[in-house]
């Protein structure tokens, strides 16, 4: 499922891949359901391709999101990521990814992670397990 969820630089929120055209993708916002084109010159990243830095080996984003889902028992994260201080964000991430690399994972990365998680939960996209046809 995460391979079809996209982050597009310069556009807020997350997008679900709906279809592919010749030189563009048709995406649907998980925030408001509006469909729009995303072009080849946009910086588009699939959530399935993202990993978090740890002190050992990188951990796929799907595992971090799964850990968050278990910790929050399927609910949104209560911590207000926009207003939280850097140490509060780090403390939260420590609970779901204890070994994260504090030098390479910045507060804005954690804010984005929490924001993405909340968007996914709100939109009902909480199937973080890797599937064969994903």
N, C-alpha and C. Protein backbone atom coordinates (compact mmCIF):
# COMPACT_ATOMS: atom_id res chain seq x y z
N UNK A 1 0.82 -1.20 0.00
CA UNK A 1 0.00 0.00 0.00
C UNK A 1 0.86 1.26 0.00
N UNK A 2 1.95 1.25 0.77
CA UNK A 2 2.77 2.46 0.86
C UNK A 2 3.45 2.82 -0.46
N UNK A 3 3.62 1.85 -1.36
CA UNK A 3 4.24 2.16 -2.64
C UNK A 3 3.35 3.03 -3.51
N UNK A 4 2.06 3.05 -3.23
CA UNK A 4 1.12 3.86 -4.00
C UNK A 4 0.79 5.18 -3.31
N UNK A 5 1.38 5.42 -2.15
CA UNK A 5 1.21 6.69 -1.44
C UNK A 5 2.46 7.53 -1.71
N UNK A 6 2.23 8.77 -2.17
CA UNK A 6 3.32 9.61 -2.64
C UNK A 6 3.41 10.91 -1.86
N UNK A 7 4.64 11.39 -1.74
CA UNK A 7 4.91 12.73 -1.25
C UNK A 7 5.42 13.52 -2.44
N UNK A 8 4.85 14.71 -2.65
CA UNK A 8 5.24 15.54 -3.79
C UNK A 8 5.78 16.85 -3.24
N UNK A 9 7.04 17.14 -3.55
CA UNK A 9 7.69 18.35 -3.06
C UNK A 9 6.89 19.58 -3.50
N UNK A 10 6.68 20.49 -2.55
CA UNK A 10 5.96 21.73 -2.85
C UNK A 10 4.46 21.62 -2.72
N UNK A 11 3.94 20.42 -2.47
CA UNK A 11 2.50 20.22 -2.29
C UNK A 11 2.27 19.66 -0.89
N UNK A 12 1.31 20.20 -0.18
CA UNK A 12 1.07 19.71 1.19
C UNK A 12 0.43 18.34 1.21
N UNK A 13 0.70 17.60 2.26
CA UNK A 13 0.05 16.32 2.47
C UNK A 13 0.63 15.18 1.68
N UNK A 14 -0.17 14.14 1.56
CA UNK A 14 0.21 12.92 0.84
C UNK A 14 -0.81 12.66 -0.26
N UNK A 15 -0.39 11.89 -1.25
CA UNK A 15 -1.22 11.63 -2.41
C UNK A 15 -1.23 10.14 -2.73
N UNK A 16 -2.38 9.67 -3.20
CA UNK A 16 -2.52 8.29 -3.64
C UNK A 16 -2.43 8.26 -5.16
N UNK A 17 -1.62 7.36 -5.67
CA UNK A 17 -1.49 7.20 -7.11
C UNK A 17 -2.78 6.60 -7.65
N UNK A 18 -3.43 7.31 -8.59
CA UNK A 18 -4.68 6.84 -9.17
C UNK A 18 -4.42 6.19 -10.52
N UNK A 19 -3.66 6.88 -11.39
CA UNK A 19 -3.32 6.31 -12.68
C UNK A 19 -2.11 7.03 -13.26
N UNK A 20 -1.59 6.46 -14.34
CA UNK A 20 -0.43 7.04 -14.99
C UNK A 20 -0.79 7.44 -16.41
N UNK A 21 -0.39 8.66 -16.79
CA UNK A 21 -0.56 9.11 -18.15
C UNK A 21 0.78 9.02 -18.86
N UNK A 22 0.85 9.63 -20.03
CA UNK A 22 2.08 9.56 -20.83
C UNK A 22 3.25 10.26 -20.12
N UNK A 23 3.06 11.48 -19.71
CA UNK A 23 4.13 12.24 -19.06
C UNK A 23 3.75 12.72 -17.67
N UNK A 24 2.76 12.06 -17.07
CA UNK A 24 2.31 12.52 -15.75
C UNK A 24 1.64 11.38 -14.99
N UNK A 25 1.45 11.64 -13.71
CA UNK A 25 0.69 10.75 -12.85
C UNK A 25 -0.59 11.48 -12.44
N UNK A 26 -1.66 10.74 -12.28
CA UNK A 26 -2.87 11.31 -11.71
C UNK A 26 -2.88 10.88 -10.25
N UNK A 27 -2.93 11.88 -9.36
CA UNK A 27 -2.87 11.60 -7.93
C UNK A 27 -4.10 12.18 -7.24
N UNK A 28 -4.43 11.58 -6.10
CA UNK A 28 -5.57 12.03 -5.31
C UNK A 28 -5.08 12.39 -3.92
N UNK A 29 -5.40 13.59 -3.47
CA UNK A 29 -4.98 14.05 -2.15
C UNK A 29 -5.65 13.23 -1.06
N UNK A 30 -4.87 12.80 -0.08
CA UNK A 30 -5.45 12.09 1.06
C UNK A 30 -6.10 13.07 2.03
N UNK A 31 -5.81 14.36 1.86
CA UNK A 31 -6.41 15.38 2.73
C UNK A 31 -7.83 15.73 2.32
N UNK A 32 -8.04 16.00 1.02
CA UNK A 32 -9.36 16.45 0.57
C UNK A 32 -9.96 15.65 -0.58
N UNK A 33 -9.24 14.64 -1.08
CA UNK A 33 -9.78 13.79 -2.13
C UNK A 33 -9.73 14.37 -3.54
N UNK A 34 -9.18 15.55 -3.69
CA UNK A 34 -9.09 16.16 -5.02
C UNK A 34 -8.03 15.47 -5.85
N UNK A 35 -8.35 15.31 -7.12
CA UNK A 35 -7.40 14.71 -8.06
C UNK A 35 -6.68 15.80 -8.83
N UNK A 36 -5.41 15.53 -9.11
CA UNK A 36 -4.62 16.50 -9.88
C UNK A 36 -3.47 15.76 -10.57
N UNK A 37 -2.87 16.41 -11.57
CA UNK A 37 -1.73 15.78 -12.23
C UNK A 37 -0.44 16.06 -11.47
N UNK A 38 0.49 15.14 -11.56
CA UNK A 38 1.85 15.35 -11.06
C UNK A 38 2.77 15.02 -12.23
N UNK A 39 3.65 15.93 -12.54
CA UNK A 39 4.47 15.80 -13.73
C UNK A 39 5.86 15.25 -13.41
N UNK A 40 6.55 14.83 -14.44
CA UNK A 40 7.88 14.24 -14.30
C UNK A 40 8.91 15.15 -13.67
N UNK A 41 8.72 16.47 -13.80
CA UNK A 41 9.70 17.39 -13.20
C UNK A 41 9.40 17.68 -11.73
N UNK A 42 8.27 17.18 -11.20
CA UNK A 42 7.99 17.29 -9.77
C UNK A 42 8.83 16.26 -9.03
N UNK A 43 9.28 16.61 -7.84
CA UNK A 43 10.01 15.64 -7.03
C UNK A 43 8.99 14.79 -6.29
N UNK A 44 8.84 13.55 -6.76
CA UNK A 44 7.83 12.63 -6.23
C UNK A 44 8.54 11.44 -5.59
N UNK A 45 8.15 11.12 -4.35
CA UNK A 45 8.76 10.01 -3.64
C UNK A 45 7.65 9.11 -3.08
N UNK A 46 7.79 7.83 -3.33
CA UNK A 46 6.87 6.85 -2.77
C UNK A 46 7.26 6.59 -1.32
N UNK A 47 6.26 6.51 -0.43
CA UNK A 47 6.57 6.24 0.98
C UNK A 47 7.21 4.86 1.15
N UNK A 48 6.95 3.97 0.22
CA UNK A 48 7.55 2.65 0.27
C UNK A 48 9.05 2.66 0.04
N UNK A 49 9.58 3.76 -0.50
CA UNK A 49 11.02 3.87 -0.79
C UNK A 49 11.80 4.62 0.29
N UNK A 50 11.12 5.06 1.34
CA UNK A 50 11.76 5.88 2.37
C UNK A 50 12.18 5.02 3.55
N UNK A 51 13.35 5.34 4.10
CA UNK A 51 13.86 4.68 5.31
C UNK A 51 14.26 5.73 6.32
N UNK A 52 14.33 5.33 7.58
CA UNK A 52 14.79 6.21 8.66
C UNK A 52 16.19 5.77 9.07
N UNK A 53 17.05 6.75 9.33
CA UNK A 53 18.41 6.46 9.77
C UNK A 53 18.40 5.95 11.21
N UNK A 54 19.17 4.88 11.45
CA UNK A 54 19.39 4.42 12.82
C UNK A 54 20.90 4.27 13.00
N UNK A 55 21.31 3.93 14.21
CA UNK A 55 22.73 3.75 14.48
C UNK A 55 23.28 2.48 13.86
N UNK A 56 22.42 1.55 13.51
CA UNK A 56 22.83 0.29 12.89
C UNK A 56 22.54 0.37 11.39
N UNK A 57 21.39 -0.16 10.98
CA UNK A 57 21.01 -0.13 9.57
C UNK A 57 19.71 0.67 9.44
N UNK A 58 19.47 1.20 8.26
CA UNK A 58 18.27 1.99 8.04
C UNK A 58 17.03 1.12 8.19
N UNK A 59 15.97 1.70 8.75
CA UNK A 59 14.72 0.99 8.97
C UNK A 59 13.68 1.53 7.99
N UNK A 60 13.00 0.64 7.24
CA UNK A 60 11.98 1.11 6.30
C UNK A 60 10.89 1.91 7.01
N UNK A 61 10.40 2.94 6.34
CA UNK A 61 9.35 3.79 6.90
C UNK A 61 8.14 2.96 7.30
N UNK A 62 7.82 1.92 6.54
CA UNK A 62 6.65 1.09 6.86
C UNK A 62 6.77 0.49 8.25
N UNK A 63 7.99 0.12 8.69
CA UNK A 63 8.18 -0.44 10.02
C UNK A 63 8.00 0.63 11.09
N UNK A 64 8.49 1.83 10.84
CA UNK A 64 8.34 2.93 11.80
C UNK A 64 6.85 3.27 11.95
N UNK A 65 6.13 3.34 10.82
CA UNK A 65 4.69 3.63 10.86
C UNK A 65 3.93 2.53 11.59
N UNK A 66 4.33 1.29 11.38
CA UNK A 66 3.70 0.15 12.07
C UNK A 66 3.92 0.27 13.58
N UNK A 67 5.15 0.63 13.97
CA UNK A 67 5.46 0.82 15.39
C UNK A 67 4.61 1.95 15.98
N UNK A 68 4.42 3.01 15.21
CA UNK A 68 3.60 4.14 15.68
C UNK A 68 2.15 3.70 15.83
N UNK A 69 1.65 2.92 14.88
CA UNK A 69 0.27 2.44 14.92
C UNK A 69 0.03 1.59 16.18
N UNK A 70 1.02 0.74 16.51
CA UNK A 70 0.90 -0.09 17.70
C UNK A 70 0.95 0.76 18.97
N UNK A 71 1.88 1.72 19.01
CA UNK A 71 2.01 2.58 20.19
C UNK A 71 0.75 3.41 20.41
N UNK A 72 0.19 3.96 19.33
CA UNK A 72 -0.97 4.83 19.43
C UNK A 72 -2.29 4.06 19.40
N UNK A 73 -2.21 2.73 19.30
CA UNK A 73 -3.37 1.85 19.26
C UNK A 73 -4.37 2.27 18.17
N UNK A 74 -3.81 2.61 17.00
CA UNK A 74 -4.64 2.94 15.85
C UNK A 74 -5.12 4.38 15.79
N UNK A 75 -4.81 5.16 16.81
CA UNK A 75 -5.26 6.56 16.85
C UNK A 75 -4.17 7.48 16.30
N UNK A 76 -4.53 8.74 16.13
CA UNK A 76 -3.55 9.73 15.70
C UNK A 76 -2.59 10.04 16.85
N UNK A 77 -1.42 10.57 16.50
CA UNK A 77 -0.46 10.99 17.52
C UNK A 77 -1.00 12.25 18.18
N UNK A 78 -1.07 12.26 19.50
CA UNK A 78 -1.62 13.39 20.23
C UNK A 78 -0.65 14.58 20.29
N UNK A 79 0.64 14.30 20.18
CA UNK A 79 1.66 15.35 20.24
C UNK A 79 1.48 16.32 19.07
N UNK A 80 1.39 17.62 19.35
CA UNK A 80 1.27 18.62 18.29
C UNK A 80 2.66 18.85 17.71
N UNK A 81 2.92 18.22 16.57
CA UNK A 81 4.26 18.24 15.97
C UNK A 81 4.70 19.65 15.60
N UNK A 82 3.76 20.51 15.23
CA UNK A 82 4.12 21.88 14.81
C UNK A 82 4.62 22.71 15.99
N UNK A 83 4.04 22.48 17.18
CA UNK A 83 4.40 23.29 18.35
C UNK A 83 5.44 22.62 19.25
N UNK A 84 5.68 21.34 19.04
CA UNK A 84 6.58 20.59 19.92
C UNK A 84 8.03 21.05 19.77
N UNK A 85 8.74 21.02 20.87
CA UNK A 85 10.17 21.35 20.87
C UNK A 85 10.96 20.16 20.35
N UNK A 86 12.19 20.42 19.93
CA UNK A 86 13.04 19.38 19.35
C UNK A 86 13.22 18.18 20.27
N UNK A 87 13.41 18.43 21.58
CA UNK A 87 13.61 17.30 22.50
C UNK A 87 12.33 16.50 22.70
N UNK A 88 11.16 17.14 22.62
CA UNK A 88 9.89 16.41 22.72
C UNK A 88 9.71 15.49 21.51
N UNK A 89 10.08 16.01 20.32
CA UNK A 89 9.98 15.21 19.10
C UNK A 89 10.92 14.01 19.17
N UNK A 90 12.15 14.26 19.62
CA UNK A 90 13.14 13.17 19.73
C UNK A 90 12.67 12.13 20.75
N UNK A 91 12.10 12.59 21.86
CA UNK A 91 11.61 11.66 22.88
C UNK A 91 10.49 10.79 22.32
N UNK A 92 9.61 11.39 21.51
CA UNK A 92 8.52 10.61 20.90
C UNK A 92 9.10 9.55 19.96
N UNK A 93 10.00 9.98 19.06
CA UNK A 93 10.57 9.03 18.11
C UNK A 93 11.32 7.92 18.83
N UNK A 94 11.95 8.25 19.94
CA UNK A 94 12.68 7.26 20.75
C UNK A 94 11.76 6.12 21.19
N UNK A 95 10.47 6.43 21.41
CA UNK A 95 9.53 5.39 21.86
C UNK A 95 9.15 4.42 20.74
N UNK A 96 9.22 4.86 19.48
CA UNK A 96 8.83 3.98 18.37
C UNK A 96 10.02 3.48 17.56
N UNK A 97 11.16 4.17 17.67
CA UNK A 97 12.38 3.77 16.97
C UNK A 97 13.56 4.10 17.89
N UNK A 98 13.78 3.25 18.91
CA UNK A 98 14.76 3.57 19.96
C UNK A 98 16.18 3.83 19.45
N UNK A 99 16.55 3.24 18.35
CA UNK A 99 17.92 3.31 17.86
C UNK A 99 18.13 4.38 16.79
N UNK A 100 17.19 5.34 16.66
CA UNK A 100 17.32 6.32 15.57
C UNK A 100 18.58 7.17 15.73
N UNK A 101 19.14 7.57 14.62
CA UNK A 101 20.38 8.35 14.59
C UNK A 101 20.06 9.82 14.87
N UNK A 102 20.39 10.27 16.06
CA UNK A 102 20.06 11.64 16.47
C UNK A 102 20.82 12.70 15.67
N UNK A 103 21.92 12.32 15.02
CA UNK A 103 22.68 13.28 14.23
C UNK A 103 22.09 13.48 12.82
N UNK A 104 21.47 12.43 12.29
CA UNK A 104 20.97 12.51 10.92
C UNK A 104 19.46 12.65 10.80
N UNK A 105 18.72 12.36 11.87
CA UNK A 105 17.27 12.56 11.86
C UNK A 105 16.99 13.88 12.58
N UNK A 106 16.52 14.85 11.84
CA UNK A 106 16.32 16.21 12.35
C UNK A 106 14.88 16.40 12.84
N UNK A 107 14.65 17.42 13.69
CA UNK A 107 13.28 17.67 14.18
C UNK A 107 12.25 17.81 13.05
N UNK A 108 12.61 18.44 11.95
CA UNK A 108 11.66 18.58 10.85
C UNK A 108 11.31 17.23 10.23
N UNK A 109 12.26 16.29 10.23
CA UNK A 109 11.98 14.93 9.74
C UNK A 109 10.93 14.27 10.63
N UNK A 110 11.06 14.45 11.93
CA UNK A 110 10.12 13.84 12.88
C UNK A 110 8.75 14.51 12.74
N UNK A 111 8.74 15.83 12.56
CA UNK A 111 7.46 16.53 12.33
C UNK A 111 6.75 15.98 11.10
N UNK A 112 7.51 15.80 10.02
CA UNK A 112 6.94 15.26 8.79
C UNK A 112 6.43 13.84 9.00
N UNK A 113 7.18 13.02 9.72
CA UNK A 113 6.78 11.65 10.02
C UNK A 113 5.44 11.63 10.77
N UNK A 114 5.33 12.45 11.80
CA UNK A 114 4.09 12.49 12.59
C UNK A 114 2.93 13.00 11.73
N UNK A 115 3.19 14.01 10.94
CA UNK A 115 2.16 14.55 10.04
C UNK A 115 1.69 13.49 9.06
N UNK A 116 2.63 12.80 8.43
CA UNK A 116 2.28 11.74 7.47
C UNK A 116 1.48 10.64 8.16
N UNK A 117 1.94 10.22 9.33
CA UNK A 117 1.23 9.16 10.07
C UNK A 117 -0.21 9.58 10.34
N UNK A 118 -0.41 10.81 10.83
CA UNK A 118 -1.76 11.29 11.13
C UNK A 118 -2.63 11.35 9.87
N UNK A 119 -2.06 11.77 8.74
CA UNK A 119 -2.81 11.80 7.49
C UNK A 119 -3.22 10.39 7.08
N UNK A 120 -2.31 9.44 7.21
CA UNK A 120 -2.60 8.05 6.85
C UNK A 120 -3.69 7.47 7.74
N UNK A 121 -3.63 7.75 9.03
CA UNK A 121 -4.65 7.24 9.96
C UNK A 121 -6.01 7.87 9.65
N UNK A 122 -6.03 9.19 9.46
CA UNK A 122 -7.28 9.90 9.15
C UNK A 122 -7.94 9.38 7.89
N UNK A 123 -7.13 9.04 6.89
CA UNK A 123 -7.67 8.59 5.61
C UNK A 123 -7.91 7.08 5.56
N UNK A 124 -7.61 6.39 6.66
CA UNK A 124 -7.86 4.95 6.72
C UNK A 124 -6.82 4.10 6.01
N UNK A 125 -5.66 4.66 5.72
CA UNK A 125 -4.58 3.93 5.06
C UNK A 125 -3.57 3.45 6.09
N UNK A 126 -3.93 2.40 6.83
CA UNK A 126 -3.06 1.93 7.90
C UNK A 126 -2.55 0.52 7.66
N UNK A 127 -2.60 0.06 6.43
CA UNK A 127 -2.06 -1.26 6.07
C UNK A 127 -0.58 -1.08 5.75
N UNK A 128 0.26 -1.15 6.78
CA UNK A 128 1.69 -0.88 6.60
C UNK A 128 2.52 -2.13 6.31
N UNK A 129 1.89 -3.30 6.41
CA UNK A 129 2.60 -4.55 6.11
C UNK A 129 2.97 -4.59 4.64
N UNK A 130 4.13 -5.17 4.36
CA UNK A 130 4.56 -5.32 2.97
C UNK A 130 3.83 -6.49 2.35
N UNK A 131 3.23 -6.25 1.21
CA UNK A 131 2.52 -7.30 0.48
C UNK A 131 3.29 -7.62 -0.79
N UNK A 132 3.11 -8.82 -1.32
CA UNK A 132 3.80 -9.22 -2.54
C UNK A 132 3.45 -8.36 -3.75
N UNK A 133 2.19 -7.92 -3.86
CA UNK A 133 1.79 -7.12 -5.02
C UNK A 133 1.78 -5.63 -4.72
N UNK A 134 2.34 -5.24 -3.60
CA UNK A 134 2.39 -3.84 -3.18
C UNK A 134 3.23 -3.11 -4.13
